[in-house]
Protein backbone atom coordinates (compact mmCIF):
# COMPACT_ATOMS: atom_id res chain seq x y z
CA MET A 1 -15.46 7.78 11.94
CA GLU A 2 -15.40 11.30 13.28
CA MET A 3 -12.28 13.28 12.46
CA VAL A 4 -11.36 16.51 14.22
CA LYS A 5 -8.60 18.13 12.21
CA GLU A 6 -8.25 19.72 8.81
CA ALA A 7 -5.65 18.55 6.31
CA GLN A 8 -3.09 20.94 4.92
CA ALA A 9 -1.70 19.24 1.82
CA GLU A 10 1.98 19.55 1.02
CA PRO A 11 2.32 17.58 -2.22
CA SER A 12 5.80 18.84 -3.12
CA SER A 13 7.41 18.38 0.29
CA PRO A 14 10.15 15.71 0.24
CA ILE A 15 9.89 12.90 2.75
CA ALA A 16 12.60 13.17 5.42
CA ALA A 17 13.15 9.43 5.82
CA LYS A 18 15.99 9.72 8.32
CA GLU A 19 13.94 12.04 10.50
CA ILE A 20 10.95 9.68 10.48
CA THR A 21 13.13 6.68 11.25
CA LYS A 22 14.70 8.50 14.20
CA ARG A 23 11.23 9.44 15.42
CA LEU A 24 10.04 5.84 15.20
CA ASP A 25 13.18 4.37 16.75
CA GLY A 26 12.68 6.66 19.75
CA PHE A 27 9.01 5.79 20.07
CA LEU A 28 9.66 2.04 19.88
CA SER A 29 12.77 2.00 22.06
CA GLY A 30 12.58 -0.58 24.81
CA ARG A 31 9.73 -2.54 23.22
CA SER A 32 10.42 -6.14 22.24
CA LEU A 33 8.47 -5.91 19.00
CA ARG A 34 8.84 -6.66 15.33
CA ILE A 35 7.49 -3.78 13.26
CA SER A 36 7.22 -3.08 9.57
CA ALA A 37 5.43 -0.08 8.11
CA MET A 38 4.90 1.77 4.86
CA VAL A 39 3.00 4.86 3.81
CA LYS A 40 2.61 5.94 0.19
CA ASP A 41 0.92 8.98 -1.25
CA LEU A 42 -0.66 7.41 -4.31
CA ALA A 43 -1.16 10.83 -5.91
CA THR A 44 2.50 11.87 -5.85
CA GLY A 45 4.40 8.62 -5.35
CA ARG A 46 6.08 9.86 -2.17
CA LEU A 47 6.67 6.99 0.21
CA TYR A 48 8.34 5.92 3.42
CA ARG A 49 9.27 2.42 4.58
CA TYR A 50 10.29 1.19 8.03
CA HIS A 51 11.97 -2.21 8.34
CA ARG A 52 11.14 -3.06 4.76
CA GLY A 53 12.46 -6.61 4.80
CA GLU A 54 10.21 -7.91 7.57
CA LEU A 55 7.57 -10.52 6.78
CA LEU A 56 4.88 -10.55 9.47
CA ILE A 57 1.43 -12.11 9.70
CA THR A 58 -1.77 -10.51 8.48
CA ALA A 59 -4.12 -11.51 11.31
CA SER A 60 -7.61 -10.36 10.22
CA SER A 61 -6.31 -7.89 7.67
CA ALA A 62 -6.19 -10.97 5.39
CA LYS A 63 -9.95 -10.58 5.11
CA ILE A 64 -9.46 -7.75 2.60
CA LEU A 65 -7.76 -10.09 0.14
CA ILE A 66 -10.33 -12.82 0.81
CA LEU A 67 -13.04 -10.38 -0.30
CA MET A 68 -11.04 -9.10 -3.25
CA ALA A 69 -10.42 -12.70 -4.34
CA LEU A 70 -14.14 -13.44 -4.11
CA LEU A 71 -15.05 -10.41 -6.22
CA LEU A 72 -12.51 -11.32 -8.89
CA GLU A 73 -14.52 -14.48 -9.51
CA THR A 74 -18.09 -13.29 -8.85
CA PRO A 75 -19.44 -9.72 -9.09
CA TRP A 76 -21.31 -8.44 -6.05
CA ARG A 77 -24.63 -8.37 -7.90
CA GLU A 78 -24.37 -12.13 -8.49
CA LEU A 79 -23.63 -13.08 -4.88
CA SER A 80 -26.41 -14.64 -2.86
CA PRO A 81 -27.85 -12.80 0.16
CA ALA A 82 -26.13 -15.31 2.48
CA ILE A 83 -22.72 -14.68 0.94
CA ARG A 84 -23.25 -10.92 1.01
CA ARG A 85 -24.09 -11.21 4.68
CA ASP A 86 -20.89 -13.17 5.30
CA VAL A 87 -18.92 -10.44 3.51
CA GLU A 88 -20.41 -7.75 5.73
CA LEU A 89 -19.79 -9.80 8.86
CA MET A 90 -16.20 -10.48 7.81
CA ILE A 91 -15.20 -6.90 6.97
CA ARG A 92 -17.36 -4.69 9.20
CA TYR A 93 -17.43 -6.98 12.26
CA SER A 94 -14.30 -9.08 11.62
CA ASP A 95 -16.29 -12.29 12.05
CA ASN A 96 -13.92 -15.24 11.79
CA HIS A 97 -16.50 -17.90 10.95
CA ALA A 98 -17.77 -15.81 8.04
CA ALA A 99 -14.16 -15.50 6.90
CA ASP A 100 -13.76 -19.28 7.14
CA ARG A 101 -16.76 -19.84 4.87
CA LEU A 102 -15.53 -17.32 2.30
CA TRP A 103 -11.99 -18.72 2.53
CA LEU A 104 -13.31 -22.08 1.38
CA ARG A 105 -15.41 -20.43 -1.32
CA ILE A 106 -12.36 -18.77 -2.93
CA GLY A 107 -10.46 -22.05 -2.98
CA ALA A 108 -8.71 -21.75 0.40
CA ALA A 109 -4.94 -21.18 0.40
CA PRO A 110 -4.32 -21.80 -3.34
CA GLY A 111 -7.16 -19.47 -4.36
CA PHE A 112 -6.01 -16.81 -1.92
CA THR A 113 -2.42 -16.97 -3.19
CA LYS A 114 -3.56 -16.92 -6.82
CA ALA A 115 -5.64 -13.80 -6.22
CA GLY A 116 -2.71 -12.13 -4.49
CA ARG A 117 -0.57 -12.71 -7.56
CA LYS A 118 -3.23 -11.07 -9.74
CA TYR A 119 -3.03 -8.00 -7.52
CA GLY A 120 0.76 -7.93 -7.77
CA LEU A 121 1.54 -9.23 -4.28
CA ARG A 122 5.01 -10.74 -4.01
CA HIS A 123 5.30 -12.05 -0.46
CA THR A 124 1.73 -12.95 0.55
CA ARG A 125 0.98 -16.66 0.38
CA GLY A 126 -1.94 -18.53 1.87
CA VAL A 127 -1.24 -21.13 4.54
CA ALA A 128 -3.08 -24.44 4.14
CA GLY A 129 -4.80 -26.37 6.92
CA SER A 130 -6.52 -25.46 10.18
CA CYS A 131 -4.99 -23.38 12.96
CA VAL A 132 -6.54 -23.85 16.42
CA ASP A 133 -10.27 -23.22 15.77
CA LEU A 134 -9.87 -21.38 12.45
CA TYR A 135 -8.44 -21.86 9.03
CA CYS A 136 -4.94 -20.48 8.65
CA TRP A 137 -5.69 -17.23 6.82
CA GLY A 138 -4.77 -15.32 10.01
CA ILE A 139 -1.13 -16.44 9.94
CA THR A 140 -0.59 -15.50 6.31
CA PRO A 141 2.92 -14.07 5.90
CA THR A 142 2.93 -10.69 4.22
CA SER A 143 4.93 -7.50 3.81
CA ALA A 144 4.00 -3.86 4.24
CA ASP A 145 4.85 -3.38 0.56
CA ASP A 146 2.30 -6.01 -0.44
CA GLN A 147 -0.39 -4.41 1.69
CA ILE A 148 0.27 -1.06 0.00
CA ARG A 149 -0.01 -2.76 -3.40
CA LEU A 150 -3.36 -4.16 -2.33
CA MET A 151 -4.59 -0.72 -1.22
CA ARG A 152 -3.47 0.75 -4.52
CA ALA A 153 -5.49 -1.93 -6.33
CA LEU A 154 -8.60 -0.51 -4.62
CA VAL A 155 -8.21 2.95 -6.15
CA SER A 156 -6.34 2.35 -9.41
CA ASP A 157 -8.02 2.20 -12.80
CA GLY A 158 -5.38 -0.38 -13.73
CA SER A 159 -6.63 -2.77 -11.05
CA PRO A 160 -7.87 -6.22 -12.11
CA LEU A 161 -10.92 -5.51 -9.93
CA PRO A 162 -13.66 -3.51 -11.73
CA ALA A 163 -14.57 -0.06 -10.41
CA LYS A 164 -17.96 -1.10 -9.01
CA GLU A 165 -16.38 -3.92 -7.03
CA ARG A 166 -13.60 -1.65 -5.76
CA ALA A 167 -16.19 0.83 -4.57
CA ARG A 168 -18.03 -1.92 -2.72
CA VAL A 169 -14.87 -3.00 -0.88
CA LEU A 170 -14.08 0.60 0.08
CA ARG A 171 -17.61 1.17 1.39
CA LEU A 172 -17.35 -1.90 3.59
CA MET A 173 -13.91 -0.90 4.86
CA GLY A 174 -15.30 2.57 5.55
CA GLY A 175 -18.07 1.08 7.68
CA VAL A 176 -16.05 -0.93 10.19
CA VAL A 177 -17.93 -0.98 13.47
CA GLU A 178 -17.04 1.27 16.39
CA GLY A 179 -14.38 -0.32 18.54
CA GLN A 180 -12.63 -1.83 15.52
CA ASP A 181 -12.03 1.45 13.68
CA TRP A 182 -8.68 2.26 15.30
CA GLY A 183 -5.28 2.24 13.61
CA VAL A 184 -5.06 4.08 10.29
CA SER A 185 -7.87 6.41 11.37
CA ALA A 186 -5.67 7.89 14.13
CA ALA A 187 -3.83 9.91 11.47
CA ALA A 188 -6.87 11.20 9.58
CA CYS A 189 -7.87 14.85 9.40
CA GLU A 190 -11.31 16.45 9.35
CA GLY A 191 -13.04 15.74 6.07
CA ASP A 192 -10.93 12.71 5.23
CA ARG A 193 -12.52 9.45 4.20
CA VAL A 194 -10.98 6.42 5.87
CA ALA A 195 -11.21 2.82 4.69
CA LEU A 196 -9.43 0.27 6.84
CA LYS A 197 -9.22 -3.27 8.13
CA ASN A 198 -7.41 -4.17 11.32
CA GLY A 199 -6.17 -7.45 12.69
CA TRP A 200 -5.33 -8.79 16.14
CA LEU A 201 -4.25 -12.35 16.86
CA LYS A 202 -2.61 -14.02 19.84
CA ARG A 203 0.23 -16.29 18.80
CA VAL A 204 -0.12 -19.74 20.35
CA SER A 205 3.65 -20.25 20.37
CA THR A 206 4.62 -17.00 22.11
CA LYS A 207 1.37 -15.90 23.84
CA ARG A 208 2.05 -12.47 22.33
CA TRP A 209 -0.13 -10.47 20.00
CA ALA A 210 0.14 -9.60 16.34
CA VAL A 211 -1.67 -6.30 15.73
CA VAL A 212 -2.05 -4.92 12.21
CA THR A 213 -3.67 -1.89 10.60
CA VAL A 214 -4.06 -1.46 6.84
CA GLY A 215 -6.06 1.09 4.90
CA LEU A 216 -6.47 4.32 2.99
CA ILE A 217 -6.78 7.94 4.12
CA ARG A 218 -8.44 9.88 1.32
CA GLY A 219 -8.71 13.66 1.18
CA ARG A 220 -7.85 16.82 -0.79
CA GLY A 221 -6.91 14.91 -3.92
CA HIS A 222 -4.60 12.48 -2.13
CA ASP A 223 -4.96 8.79 -1.36
CA TYR A 224 -2.54 7.80 1.40
CA ALA A 225 -2.08 4.04 1.58
CA VAL A 226 -0.99 2.94 5.06
CA ALA A 227 0.20 -0.41 6.40
CA VAL A 228 1.62 -1.06 9.86
CA LEU A 229 2.36 -4.65 10.89
CA SER A 230 3.45 -5.60 14.39
CA GLU A 231 4.17 -8.70 16.43
CA GLY A 232 5.15 -9.11 20.06
CA SER A 233 2.73 -6.95 22.05
CA THR A 234 1.80 -8.23 25.51
CA ASP A 235 -1.87 -7.37 24.92
CA VAL A 236 -4.14 -5.89 22.28
CA ASP A 237 -4.20 -2.41 23.82
CA GLN A 238 -0.42 -2.17 23.65
CA GLY A 239 -0.53 -3.32 20.04
CA ILE A 240 -3.16 -0.75 19.10
CA ALA A 241 -1.22 2.05 20.79
CA THR A 242 1.89 0.93 18.93
CA VAL A 243 0.42 0.80 15.43
CA GLU A 244 -1.42 4.09 15.96
CA GLY A 245 1.76 5.71 17.27
CA VAL A 246 3.71 4.52 14.24
CA THR A 247 0.98 5.66 11.84
CA THR A 248 0.70 9.18 13.25
CA ARG A 249 4.46 9.64 13.46
CA ILE A 250 4.88 8.76 9.80
CA MET A 251 1.88 10.70 8.51
CA LYS A 252 2.96 13.96 10.16
CA SER A 253 5.78 14.10 7.61
CA PHE A 254 3.35 13.68 4.69
CA ARG A 255 0.89 16.43 5.65
CA HIS A 256 -0.34 18.41 8.65
CA CYS A 257 -3.76 18.77 10.22
CA SER A 258 -4.71 22.18 11.56
CA ALA A 259 -6.41 22.44 14.96
C-alpha cells in the first residue's frame, strides 16, 4: 500500500471528542445509515468512540477472528499446505469458500465464539447454520469495541496468541490485494505500516450493504487500532466512501500528516 504523507505524532494531545462527533455528524447528515466507529492509540490509550452502543455485522472482517481462532489451536508451522493456502485466500483475497472450510475447521459458530471470548470479545457471537450460499460468519454481530480488542490482541504481549502467530496474521493483513486495500489505509501517512481486513455484504432483507473496515495503522512508535462498521449503503462504493470518510475524520484528531 503506497502512502503519500508523513506522520507528525502528537502523543500528548487530548482527543476533542465533541469536535470529532460534530465533524462526523455533518459528514453523515442525510444518509440513512447505521454507523459505529472507534479509534484507539494503543501506545497512549487515547481513544474516540462514535455510536458506541451499536451492534452491527462483521461481513468479511469476521475472517480475522476465524484465522486467530485457527492459530490458537494449531501453530502455523503445523498447518498443512492446503490449509495455509485457504488462509491466504481468505485474508488476502477475501475468498468466501476458503473461509467456509476454515469456519468448519475451528468448530463453526461455537468454536468462533469460544475464541472470541479468549480474546476478550464481549459482543461477538457466531451465528449457526447456512446463510444463502455461505455459512453465517458474515452476519456475526459485533461492536467496534470488540474489533479494537481484537486488533490489540495482535500487538500485545499479553495476547493469548503467541508472537510468531500474531506476526503471521499481521503479514497477511498487510498483504491484502489491490482493490481490497481501502478503508483504514485512507488515513495512513508515508512510512506507516497498515494491516487491515475489510468486509462488504448485501443484506438479503434490505438489499442494502454492510461495509466494514478494521485494522491497524502502525508508525512512529504508535499503533492506531481502527474499526468502522456501517450498514445501509445503497452500493459498495457508497459504503467504502463512508467508512473511509469516517476513518480520516477521526484520525486527523489523533495525528497529522505533512504534505
